[in-house]
Amino acid sequence: MSIKDFLNQLDTKVAKEAIENVRTVLHFDISGDLGGLYTLRIDQGVIGVEEGLIGDAKSTIRTSDVVFNDLLSRKSNPMMALMTGKLKVSNPGEIMKYVKLLGLM
């Protein structure tokens, strides 16, 4: 699955009430054919996706499309990917608030 497809389907997969008090901006920097640079904004129940790294992110996720898809399909453990350097996350505390909500864990 491409990062674009993953992010674009979040609006229908994430319950609005689960994010009604959330305000965050996350950047995704995913290399490979299925990757790309994307900004995910969550603002009080509204999810927005923009192409490119726009604005100041509270956290940035960097990895390859292969590792990202392995994380989504549960073939890879996020903590192991972090420890081995296959996944890089700035401000891990911020992203940890949303990993289950976004289906990343």
PDB file of N, CA and C in Angstrom:
ATOM      1  N   MET A   1       0.848  -1.175   0.000  1.00  0.00           N
ATOM      2  CA  MET A   1       0.000   0.000   0.000  1.00  0.00           C
ATOM      3  C   MET A   1       0.896   1.240   0.000  1.00  0.00           C
ATOM      4  N   SER A   2       0.529   2.222  -0.770  1.00  0.00           N
ATOM      5  CA  SER A   2       1.327   3.445  -0.796  1.00  0.00           C
ATOM      6  C   SER A   2       1.032   4.275   0.447  1.00  0.00           C
ATOM      7  N   ILE A   3       1.977   5.112   0.822  1.00  0.00           N
ATOM      8  CA  ILE A   3       1.769   6.005   1.957  1.00  0.00           C
ATOM      9  C   ILE A   3       0.592   6.935   1.677  1.00  0.00           C
ATOM     10  N   LYS A   4       0.445   7.348   0.428  1.00  0.00           N
ATOM     11  CA  LYS A   4      -0.668   8.219   0.048  1.00  0.00           C
ATOM     12  C   LYS A   4      -2.005   7.525   0.295  1.00  0.00           C
ATOM     13  N   ASP A   5      -2.123   6.265  -0.138  1.00  0.00           N
ATOM     14  CA  ASP A   5      -3.363   5.512   0.078  1.00  0.00           C
ATOM     15  C   ASP A   5      -3.641   5.334   1.568  1.00  0.00           C
ATOM     16  N   PHE A   6      -2.600   4.998   2.328  1.00  0.00           N
ATOM     17  CA  PHE A   6      -2.758   4.813   3.768  1.00  0.00           C
ATOM     18  C   PHE A   6      -3.293   6.085   4.426  1.00  0.00           C
ATOM     19  N   LEU A   7      -2.664   7.200   4.143  1.00  0.00           N
ATOM     20  CA  LEU A   7      -3.072   8.456   4.773  1.00  0.00           C
ATOM     21  C   LEU A   7      -4.459   8.894   4.325  1.00  0.00           C
ATOM     22  N   ASN A   8      -4.766   8.725   3.049  1.00  0.00           N
ATOM     23  CA  ASN A   8      -6.071   9.152   2.542  1.00  0.00           C
ATOM     24  C   ASN A   8      -7.225   8.332   3.088  1.00  0.00           C
ATOM     25  N   GLN A   9      -6.977   7.107   3.510  1.00  0.00           N
ATOM     26  CA  GLN A   9      -8.071   6.299   4.049  1.00  0.00           C
ATOM     27  C   GLN A   9      -8.280   6.520   5.548  1.00  0.00           C
ATOM     28  N   LEU A  10      -7.388   7.248   6.197  1.00  0.00           N
ATOM     29  CA  LEU A  10      -7.528   7.487   7.633  1.00  0.00           C
ATOM     30  C   LEU A  10      -8.823   8.208   7.971  1.00  0.00           C
ATOM     31  N   ASP A  11      -9.254   9.110   7.104  1.00  0.00           N
ATOM     32  CA  ASP A  11     -10.468   9.879   7.368  1.00  0.00           C
ATOM     33  C   ASP A  11     -11.690   8.984   7.552  1.00  0.00           C
ATOM     34  N   THR A  12     -11.724   7.852   6.872  1.00  0.00           N
ATOM     35  CA  THR A  12     -12.862   6.941   7.011  1.00  0.00           C
ATOM     36  C   THR A  12     -12.612   5.849   8.047  1.00  0.00           C
ATOM     37  N   LYS A  13     -11.358   5.619   8.419  1.00  0.00           N
ATOM     38  CA  LYS A  13     -11.032   4.551   9.365  1.00  0.00           C
ATOM     39  C   LYS A  13     -10.970   5.001  10.821  1.00  0.00           C
ATOM     40  N   VAL A  14     -10.642   6.256  11.050  1.00  0.00           N
ATOM     41  CA  VAL A  14     -10.477   6.760  12.415  1.00  0.00           C
ATOM     42  C   VAL A  14     -11.789   7.372  12.885  1.00  0.00           C
ATOM     43  N   ALA A  15     -12.240   6.945  14.063  1.00  0.00           N
ATOM     44  CA  ALA A  15     -13.485   7.464  14.629  1.00  0.00           C
ATOM     45  C   ALA A  15     -13.321   8.942  14.986  1.00  0.00           C
ATOM     46  N   LYS A  16     -14.246   9.767  14.534  1.00  0.00           N
ATOM     47  CA  LYS A  16     -14.176  11.215  14.775  1.00  0.00           C
ATOM     48  C   LYS A  16     -14.113  11.533  16.266  1.00  0.00           C
ATOM     49  N   GLU A  17     -14.870  10.794  17.067  1.00  0.00           N
ATOM     50  CA  GLU A  17     -14.873  11.073  18.507  1.00  0.00           C
ATOM     51  C   GLU A  17     -13.522  10.763  19.155  1.00  0.00           C
ATOM     52  N   ALA A  18     -12.744   9.891  18.537  1.00  0.00           N
ATOM     53  CA  ALA A  18     -11.418   9.553  19.072  1.00  0.00           C
ATOM     54  C   ALA A  18     -10.414  10.684  18.856  1.00  0.00           C
ATOM     55  N   ILE A  19     -10.707  11.566  17.910  1.00  0.00           N
ATOM     56  CA  ILE A  19      -9.760  12.650  17.609  1.00  0.00           C
ATOM     57  C   ILE A  19     -10.379  14.036  17.776  1.00  0.00           C
ATOM     58  N   GLU A  20     -11.535  14.113  18.427  1.00  0.00           N
ATOM     59  CA  GLU A  20     -12.215  15.402  18.525  1.00  0.00           C
ATOM     60  C   GLU A  20     -11.449  16.437  19.349  1.00  0.00           C
ATOM     61  N   ASN A  21     -10.556  16.003  20.232  1.00  0.00           N
ATOM     62  CA  ASN A  21      -9.761  16.938  21.032  1.00  0.00           C
ATOM     63  C   ASN A  21      -8.286  16.925  20.642  1.00  0.00           C
ATOM     64  N   VAL A  22      -7.979  16.363  19.485  1.00  0.00           N
ATOM     65  CA  VAL A  22      -6.590  16.220  19.046  1.00  0.00           C
ATOM     66  C   VAL A  22      -6.223  17.346  18.082  1.00  0.00           C
ATOM     67  N   ARG A  23      -5.034  17.907  18.312  1.00  0.00           N
ATOM     68  CA  ARG A  23      -4.450  18.885  17.379  1.00  0.00           C
ATOM     69  C   ARG A  23      -2.989  18.513  17.216  1.00  0.00           C
ATOM     70  N   THR A  24      -2.633  18.019  16.042  1.00  0.00           N
ATOM     71  CA  THR A  24      -1.240  17.662  15.790  1.00  0.00           C
ATOM     72  C   THR A  24      -0.941  17.725  14.301  1.00  0.00           C
ATOM     73  N   VAL A  25       0.332  17.811  14.005  1.00  0.00           N
ATOM     74  CA  VAL A  25       0.818  17.755  12.624  1.00  0.00           C
ATOM     75  C   VAL A  25       1.952  16.746  12.603  1.00  0.00           C
ATOM     76  N   LEU A  26       1.848  15.767  11.709  1.00  0.00           N
ATOM     77  CA  LEU A  26       2.862  14.730  11.573  1.00  0.00           C
ATOM     78  C   LEU A  26       3.375  14.723  10.139  1.00  0.00           C
ATOM     79  N   HIS A  27       4.679  14.611   9.996  1.00  0.00           N
ATOM     80  CA  HIS A  27       5.287  14.485   8.666  1.00  0.00           C
ATOM     81  C   HIS A  27       5.671  13.038   8.422  1.00  0.00           C
ATOM     82  N   PHE A  28       5.457  12.578   7.195  1.00  0.00           N
ATOM     83  CA  PHE A  28       5.852  11.241   6.766  1.00  0.00           C
ATOM     84  C   PHE A  28       6.830  11.399   5.613  1.00  0.00           C
ATOM     85  N   ASP A  29       8.032  10.869   5.792  1.00  0.00           N
ATOM     86  CA  ASP A  29       9.088  10.906   4.780  1.00  0.00           C
ATOM     87  C   ASP A  29       9.415   9.449   4.454  1.00  0.00           C
ATOM     88  N   ILE A  30       8.721   8.911   3.455  1.00  0.00           N
ATOM     89  CA  ILE A  30       8.807   7.489   3.132  1.00  0.00           C
ATOM     90  C   ILE A  30       9.477   7.337   1.768  1.00  0.00           C
ATOM     91  N   SER A  31      10.620   6.645   1.753  1.00  0.00           N
ATOM     92  CA  SER A  31      11.351   6.447   0.499  1.00  0.00           C
ATOM     93  C   SER A  31      10.794   5.247  -0.263  1.00  0.00           C
ATOM     94  N   GLY A  32      11.134   5.152  -1.534  1.00  0.00           N
ATOM     95  CA  GLY A  32      10.710   4.023  -2.355  1.00  0.00           C
ATOM     96  C   GLY A  32       9.571   4.384  -3.285  1.00  0.00           C
ATOM     97  N   ASP A  33       9.244   3.445  -4.166  1.00  0.00           N
ATOM     98  CA  ASP A  33       8.210   3.672  -5.180  1.00  0.00           C
ATOM     99  C   ASP A  33       6.835   3.963  -4.587  1.00  0.00           C
ATOM    100  N   LEU A  34       6.531   3.394  -3.422  1.00  0.00           N
ATOM    101  CA  LEU A  34       5.226   3.593  -2.790  1.00  0.00           C
ATOM    102  C   LEU A  34       5.268   4.676  -1.723  1.00  0.00           C
ATOM    103  N   GLY A  35       6.377   5.373  -1.648  1.00  0.00           N
ATOM    104  CA  GLY A  35       6.571   6.388  -0.615  1.00  0.00           C
ATOM    105  C   GLY A  35       6.207   7.775  -1.088  1.00  0.00           C
ATOM    106  N   GLY A  36       6.766   8.739  -0.394  1.00  0.00           N
ATOM    107  CA  GLY A  36       6.530  10.136  -0.712  1.00  0.00           C
ATOM    108  C   GLY A  36       6.669  10.974   0.539  1.00  0.00           C
ATOM    109  N   LEU A  37       6.497  12.264   0.366  1.00  0.00           N
ATOM    110  CA  LEU A  37       6.545  13.219   1.470  1.00  0.00           C
ATOM    111  C   LEU A  37       5.131  13.729   1.706  1.00  0.00           C
ATOM    112  N   TYR A  38       4.625  13.539   2.928  1.00  0.00           N
ATOM    113  CA  TYR A  38       3.249  13.920   3.231  1.00  0.00           C
ATOM    114  C   TYR A  38       3.137  14.544   4.610  1.00  0.00           C
ATOM    115  N   THR A  39       2.159  15.420   4.738  1.00  0.00           N
ATOM    116  CA  THR A  39       1.824  16.040   6.012  1.00  0.00           C
ATOM    117  C   THR A  39       0.432  15.581   6.407  1.00  0.00           C
ATOM    118  N   LEU A  40       0.316  15.079   7.627  1.00  0.00           N
ATOM    119  CA  LEU A  40      -0.970  14.669   8.191  1.00  0.00           C
ATOM    120  C   LEU A  40      -1.334  15.666   9.275  1.00  0.00           C
ATOM    121  N   ARG A  41      -2.485  16.300   9.122  1.00  0.00           N
ATOM    122  CA  ARG A  41      -2.983  17.239  10.132  1.00  0.00           C
ATOM    123  C   ARG A  41      -4.235  16.654  10.763  1.00  0.00           C
ATOM    124  N   ILE A  42      -4.250  16.651  12.067  1.00  0.00           N
ATOM    125  CA  ILE A  42      -5.453  16.272  12.803  1.00  0.00           C
ATOM    126  C   ILE A  42      -5.824  17.484  13.635  1.00  0.00           C
ATOM    127  N   ASP A  43      -7.026  18.000  13.407  1.00  0.00           N
ATOM    128  CA  ASP A  43      -7.453  19.213  14.100  1.00  0.00           C
ATOM    129  C   ASP A  43      -8.895  19.064  14.556  1.00  0.00           C
ATOM    130  N   GLN A  44      -9.056  18.679  15.800  1.00  0.00           N
ATOM    131  CA  GLN A  44     -10.357  18.560  16.445  1.00  0.00           C
ATOM    132  C   GLN A  44     -11.373  17.789  15.605  1.00  0.00           C
ATOM    133  N   GLY A  45     -11.008  16.571  15.270  1.00  0.00           N
ATOM    134  CA  GLY A  45     -11.917  15.684  14.562  1.00  0.00           C
ATOM    135  C   GLY A  45     -11.800  15.706  13.054  1.00  0.00           C
ATOM    136  N   VAL A  46     -10.973  16.584  12.526  1.00  0.00           N
ATOM    137  CA  VAL A  46     -10.809  16.691  11.081  1.00  0.00           C
ATOM    138  C   VAL A  46      -9.402  16.238  10.700  1.00  0.00           C
ATOM    139  N   ILE A  47      -9.337  15.315   9.744  1.00  0.00           N
ATOM    140  CA  ILE A  47      -8.056  14.818   9.250  1.00  0.00           C
ATOM    141  C   ILE A  47      -7.807  15.409   7.873  1.00  0.00           C
ATOM    142  N   GLY A  48      -6.624  15.964   7.710  1.00  0.00           N
ATOM    143  CA  GLY A  48      -6.229  16.510   6.418  1.00  0.00           C
ATOM    144  C   GLY A  48      -4.890  15.941   5.994  1.00  0.00           C
ATOM    145  N   VAL A  49      -4.745  15.664   4.721  1.00  0.00           N
ATOM    146  CA  VAL A  49      -3.501  15.125   4.168  1.00  0.00           C
ATOM    147  C   VAL A  49      -3.054  16.046   3.038  1.00  0.00           C
ATOM    148  N   GLU A  50      -1.782  16.443   3.094  1.00  0.00           N
ATOM    149  CA  GLU A  50      -1.216  17.294   2.053  1.00  0.00           C
ATOM    150  C   GLU A  50       0.072  16.669   1.548  1.00  0.00           C
ATOM    151  N   GLU A  51       0.310  16.792   0.259  1.00  0.00           N
ATOM    152  CA  GLU A  51       1.566  16.313  -0.301  1.00  0.00           C
ATOM    153  C   GLU A  51       2.662  17.315   0.044  1.00  0.00           C
ATOM    154  N   GLY A  52       3.805  16.799   0.473  1.00  0.00           N
ATOM    155  CA  GLY A  52       4.921  17.637   0.881  1.00  0.00           C
ATOM    156  C   GLY A  52       4.988  17.750   2.396  1.00  0.00           C
ATOM    157  N   LEU A  53       6.125  18.217   2.881  1.00  0.00           N
ATOM    158  CA  LEU A  53       6.316  18.435   4.315  1.00  0.00           C
ATOM    159  C   LEU A  53       6.006  19.900   4.581  1.00  0.00           C
ATOM    160  N   ILE A  54       4.788  20.150   5.042  1.00  0.00           N
ATOM    161  CA  ILE A  54       4.274  21.511   5.156  1.00  0.00           C
ATOM    162  C   ILE A  54       4.130  21.905   6.621  1.00  0.00           C
ATOM    163  N   GLY A  55       4.659  23.055   6.955  1.00  0.00           N
ATOM    164  CA  GLY A  55       4.537  23.573   8.314  1.00  0.00           C
ATOM    165  C   GLY A  55       5.452  22.864   9.290  1.00  0.00           C
ATOM    166  N   ASP A  56       5.255  23.186  10.555  1.00  0.00           N
ATOM    167  CA  ASP A  56       6.048  22.597  11.629  1.00  0.00           C
ATOM    168  C   ASP A  56       5.351  21.357  12.159  1.00  0.00           C
ATOM    169  N   ALA A  57       6.027  20.231  12.057  1.00  0.00           N
ATOM    170  CA  ALA A  57       5.462  18.965  12.542  1.00  0.00           C
ATOM    171  C   ALA A  57       5.846  18.747  13.993  1.00  0.00           C
ATOM    172  N   LYS A  58       4.953  18.119  14.729  1.00  0.00           N
ATOM    173  CA  LYS A  58       5.277  17.718  16.095  1.00  0.00           C
ATOM    174  C   LYS A  58       6.116  16.453  16.094  1.00  0.00           C
ATOM    175  N   SER A  59       6.057  15.693  14.992  1.00  0.00           N
ATOM    176  CA  SER A  59       6.866  14.478  14.852  1.00  0.00           C
ATOM    177  C   SER A  59       7.021  14.165  13.368  1.00  0.00           C
ATOM    178  N   THR A  60       8.171  13.584  13.024  1.00  0.00           N
ATOM    179  CA  THR A  60       8.432  13.157  11.650  1.00  0.00           C
ATOM    180  C   THR A  60       8.798  11.685  11.654  1.00  0.00           C
ATOM    181  N   ILE A  61       8.177  10.934  10.750  1.00  0.00           N
ATOM    182  CA  ILE A  61       8.435   9.504  10.603  1.00  0.00           C
ATOM    183  C   ILE A  61       9.202   9.309   9.304  1.00  0.00           C
ATOM    184  N   ARG A  62      10.365   8.655   9.396  1.00  0.00           N
ATOM    185  CA  ARG A  62      11.190   8.385   8.209  1.00  0.00           C
ATOM    186  C   ARG A  62      11.473   6.892   8.128  1.00  0.00           C
ATOM    187  N   THR A  63      11.185   6.320   6.968  1.00  0.00           N
ATOM    188  CA  THR A  63      11.478   4.912   6.721  1.00  0.00           C
ATOM    189  C   THR A  63      11.300   4.637   5.230  1.00  0.00           C
ATOM    190  N   SER A  64      11.452   3.387   4.843  1.00  0.00           N
ATOM    191  CA  SER A  64      11.211   2.996   3.450  1.00  0.00           C
ATOM    192  C   SER A  64       9.779   2.497   3.302  1.00  0.00           C
ATOM    193  N   ASP A  65       9.321   2.439   2.063  1.00  0.00           N
ATOM    194  CA  ASP A  65       7.979   1.914   1.807  1.00  0.00           C
ATOM    195  C   ASP A  65       7.870   0.448   2.225  1.00  0.00           C
ATOM    196  N   VAL A  66       8.942  -0.310   2.079  1.00  0.00           N
ATOM    197  CA  VAL A  66       8.931  -1.728   2.463  1.00  0.00           C
ATOM    198  C   VAL A  66       8.747  -1.868   3.970  1.00  0.00           C
ATOM    199  N   VAL A  67       9.526  -1.125   4.744  1.00  0.00           N
ATOM    200  CA  VAL A  67       9.415  -1.189   6.207  1.00  0.00           C
ATOM    201  C   VAL A  67       8.050  -0.676   6.644  1.00  0.00           C
ATOM    202  N   PHE A  68       7.579   0.414   6.049  1.00  0.00           N
ATOM    203  CA  PHE A  68       6.278   0.966   6.419  1.00  0.00           C
ATOM    204  C   PHE A  68       5.170  -0.055   6.195  1.00  0.00           C
ATOM    205  N   ASN A  69       5.191  -0.733   5.058  1.00  0.00           N
ATOM    206  CA  ASN A  69       4.179  -1.752   4.786  1.00  0.00           C
ATOM    207  C   ASN A  69       4.317  -2.948   5.713  1.00  0.00           C
ATOM    208  N   ASP A  70       5.542  -3.313   6.066  1.00  0.00           N
ATOM    209  CA  ASP A  70       5.743  -4.391   7.039  1.00  0.00           C
ATOM    210  C   ASP A  70       5.169  -4.009   8.400  1.00  0.00           C
ATOM    211  N   LEU A  71       5.285  -2.743   8.775  1.00  0.00           N
ATOM    212  CA  LEU A  71       4.698  -2.277  10.033  1.00  0.00           C
ATOM    213  C   LEU A  71       3.176  -2.336   9.970  1.00  0.00           C
ATOM    214  N   LEU A  72       2.605  -1.897   8.859  1.00  0.00           N
ATOM    215  CA  LEU A  72       1.149  -1.908   8.707  1.00  0.00           C
ATOM    216  C   LEU A  72       0.581  -3.319   8.723  1.00  0.00           C
ATOM    217  N   SER A  73       1.310  -4.263   8.120  1.00  0.00           N
ATOM    218  CA  SER A  73       0.823  -5.647   8.044  1.00  0.00           C
ATOM    219  C   SER A  73       1.251  -6.477   9.255  1.00  0.00           C
ATOM    220  N   ARG A  74       1.915  -5.826  10.198  1.00  0.00           N
ATOM    221  CA  ARG A  74       2.372  -6.470  11.443  1.00  0.00           C
ATOM    222  C   ARG A  74       3.481  -7.499  11.213  1.00  0.00           C
ATOM    223  N   LYS A  75       4.146  -7.453  10.055  1.00  0.00           N
ATOM    224  CA  LYS A  75       5.286  -8.336   9.792  1.00  0.00           C
ATOM    225  C   LYS A  75       6.523  -7.860  10.542  1.00  0.00           C
ATOM    226  N   SER A  76       6.535  -6.579  10.877  1.00  0.00           N
ATOM    227  CA  SER A  76       7.678  -5.984  11.557  1.00  0.00           C
ATOM    228  C   SER A  76       7.212  -5.317  12.842  1.00  0.00           C
ATOM    229  N   ASN A  77       8.049  -5.382  13.865  1.00  0.00           N
ATOM    230  CA  ASN A  77       7.764  -4.767  15.155  1.00  0.00           C
ATOM    231  C   ASN A  77       8.300  -3.331  15.137  1.00  0.00           C
ATOM    232  N   PRO A  78       7.464  -2.340  15.468  1.00  0.00           N
ATOM    233  CA  PRO A  78       7.915  -0.949  15.434  1.00  0.00           C
ATOM    234  C   PRO A  78       9.124  -0.679  16.331  1.00  0.00           C
ATOM    235  N   MET A  79       9.162  -1.271  17.501  1.00  0.00           N
ATOM    236  CA  MET A  79      10.287  -1.041  18.408  1.00  0.00           C
ATOM    237  C   MET A  79      11.580  -1.611  17.833  1.00  0.00           C
ATOM    238  N   MET A  80      11.507  -2.775  17.217  1.00  0.00           N
ATOM    239  CA  MET A  80      12.699  -3.361  16.595  1.00  0.00           C
ATOM    240  C   MET A  80      13.149  -2.516  15.404  1.00  0.00           C
ATOM    241  N   ALA A  81      12.185  -2.022  14.644  1.00  0.00           N
ATOM    242  CA  ALA A  81      12.522  -1.167  13.500  1.00  0.00           C
ATOM    243  C   ALA A  81      13.218   0.110  13.973  1.00  0.00           C
ATOM    244  N   LEU A  82      12.762   0.660  15.095  1.00  0.00           N
ATOM    245  CA  LEU A  82      13.413   1.838  15.670  1.00  0.00           C
ATOM    246  C   LEU A  82      14.825   1.510  16.142  1.00  0.00           C
ATOM    247  N   MET A  83      14.962   0.415  16.866  1.00  0.00           N
ATOM    248  CA  MET A  83      16.257   0.050  17.442  1.00  0.00           C
ATOM    249  C   MET A  83      17.287  -0.303  16.374  1.00  0.00           C
ATOM    250  N   THR A  84      16.836  -0.834  15.247  1.00  0.00           N
ATOM    251  CA  THR A  84      17.767  -1.204  14.176  1.00  0.00           C
ATOM    252  C   THR A  84      17.989  -0.066  13.175  1.00  0.00           C
ATOM    253  N   GLY A  85      17.318   1.056  13.386  1.00  0.00           N
ATOM    254  CA  GLY A  85      17.501   2.208  12.513  1.00  0.00           C
ATOM    255  C   GLY A  85      16.704   2.161  11.226  1.00  0.00           C
ATOM    256  N   LYS A  86      15.857   1.142  11.065  1.00  0.00           N
ATOM    257  CA  LYS A  86      15.031   1.056   9.857  1.00  0.00           C
ATOM    258  C   LYS A  86      13.884   2.065   9.885  1.00  0.00           C
ATOM    259  N   LEU A  87      13.536   2.495  11.078  1.00  0.00           N
ATOM    260  CA  LEU A  87      12.484   3.483  11.296  1.00  0.00           C
ATOM    261  C   LEU A  87      13.081   4.586  12.156  1.00  0.00           C
ATOM    262  N   LYS A  88      12.912   5.815  11.711  1.00  0.00           N
ATOM    263  CA  LYS A  88      13.403   6.955  12.481  1.00  0.00           C
ATOM    264  C   LYS A  88      12.220   7.862  12.786  1.00  0.00           C
ATOM    265  N   VAL A  89      12.122   8.272  14.046  1.00  0.00           N
ATOM    266  CA  VAL A  89      11.011   9.106  14.480  1.00  0.00           C
ATOM    267  C   VAL A  89      11.558  10.252  15.324  1.00  0.00           C
ATOM    268  N   SER A  90      11.252  11.467  14.910  1.00  0.00           N
ATOM    269  CA  SER A  90      11.587  12.602  15.760  1.00  0.00           C
ATOM    270  C   SER A  90      10.448  12.762  16.768  1.00  0.00           C
ATOM    271  N   ASN A  91      10.777  13.096  17.980  1.00  0.00           N
ATOM    272  CA  ASN A  91       9.786  13.261  19.043  1.00  0.00           C
ATOM    273  C   ASN A  91       8.902  12.015  19.185  1.00  0.00           C
ATOM    274  N   PRO A  92       9.500  10.886  19.565  1.00  0.00           N
ATOM    275  CA  PRO A  92       8.735   9.638  19.688  1.00  0.00           C
ATOM    276  C   PRO A  92       7.543   9.737  20.636  1.00  0.00           C
ATOM    277  N   GLY A  93       7.640  10.580  21.652  1.00  0.00           N
ATOM    278  CA  GLY A  93       6.525  10.727  22.589  1.00  0.00           C
ATOM    279  C   GLY A  93       5.256  11.200  21.907  1.00  0.00           C
ATOM    280  N   GLU A  94       5.402  12.075  20.929  1.00  0.00           N
ATOM    281  CA  GLU A  94       4.233  12.592  20.205  1.00  0.00           C
ATOM    282  C   GLU A  94       3.596  11.499  19.352  1.00  0.00           C
ATOM    283  N   ILE A  95       4.401  10.776  18.608  1.00  0.00           N
ATOM    284  CA  ILE A  95       3.838   9.750  17.722  1.00  0.00           C
ATOM    285  C   ILE A  95       3.249   8.593  18.522  1.00  0.00           C
ATOM    286  N   MET A  96       3.808   8.312  19.698  1.00  0.00           N
ATOM    287  CA  MET A  96       3.289   7.207  20.516  1.00  0.00           C
ATOM    288  C   MET A  96       1.849   7.458  20.954  1.00  0.00           C
ATOM    289  N   LYS A  97       1.441   8.715  21.022  1.00  0.00           N
ATOM    290  CA  LYS A  97       0.055   9.042  21.375  1.00  0.00           C
ATOM    291  C   LYS A  97      -0.923   8.542  20.316  1.00  0.00           C
ATOM    292  N   TYR A  98      -0.435   8.380  19.081  1.00  0.00           N
ATOM    293  CA  TYR A  98      -1.337   8.126  17.960  1.00  0.00           C
ATOM    294  C   TYR A  98      -1.097   6.824  17.210  1.00  0.00           C
ATOM    295  N   VAL A  99      -0.103   6.025  17.592  1.00  0.00           N
ATOM    296  CA  VAL A  99       0.217   4.835  16.795  1.00  0.00           C
ATOM    297  C   VAL A  99      -0.943   3.851  16.714  1.00  0.00           C
ATOM    298  N   LYS A 100      -1.619   3.600  17.807  1.00  0.00           N
ATOM    299  CA  LYS A 100      -2.753   2.662  17.763  1.00  0.00           C
ATOM    300  C   LYS A 100      -3.923   3.267  17.000  1.00  0.00           C
ATOM    301  N   LEU A 101      -4.178   4.531  17.243  1.00  0.00           N
ATOM    302  CA  LEU A 101      -5.272   5.229  16.577  1.00  0.00           C
ATOM    303  C   LEU A 101      -5.108   5.204  15.061  1.00  0.00           C
ATOM    304  N   LEU A 102      -3.871   5.360  14.605  1.00  0.00           N
ATOM    305  CA  LEU A 102      -3.586   5.389  13.168  1.00  0.00           C
ATOM    306  C   LEU A 102      -3.360   4.004  12.573  1.00  0.00           C
ATOM    307  N   GLY A 103      -3.360   2.970  13.415  1.00  0.00           N
ATOM    308  CA  GLY A 103      -3.163   1.609  12.925  1.00  0.00           C
ATOM    309  C   GLY A 103      -1.719   1.264  12.653  1.00  0.00           C
ATOM    310  N   LEU A 104      -0.800   1.965  13.316  1.00  0.00           N
ATOM    311  CA  LEU A 104       0.619   1.701  13.119  1.00  0.00           C
ATOM    312  C   LEU A 104       1.164   0.686  14.113  1.00  0.00           C
ATOM    313  N   MET A 105       0.330   0.221  15.022  1.00  0.00           N
ATOM    314  CA  MET A 105       0.791  -0.730  16.029  1.00  0.00           C
ATOM    315  C   MET A 105      -0.357  -1.602  16.475  1.00  0.00           C
TER     316      MET A 105
END
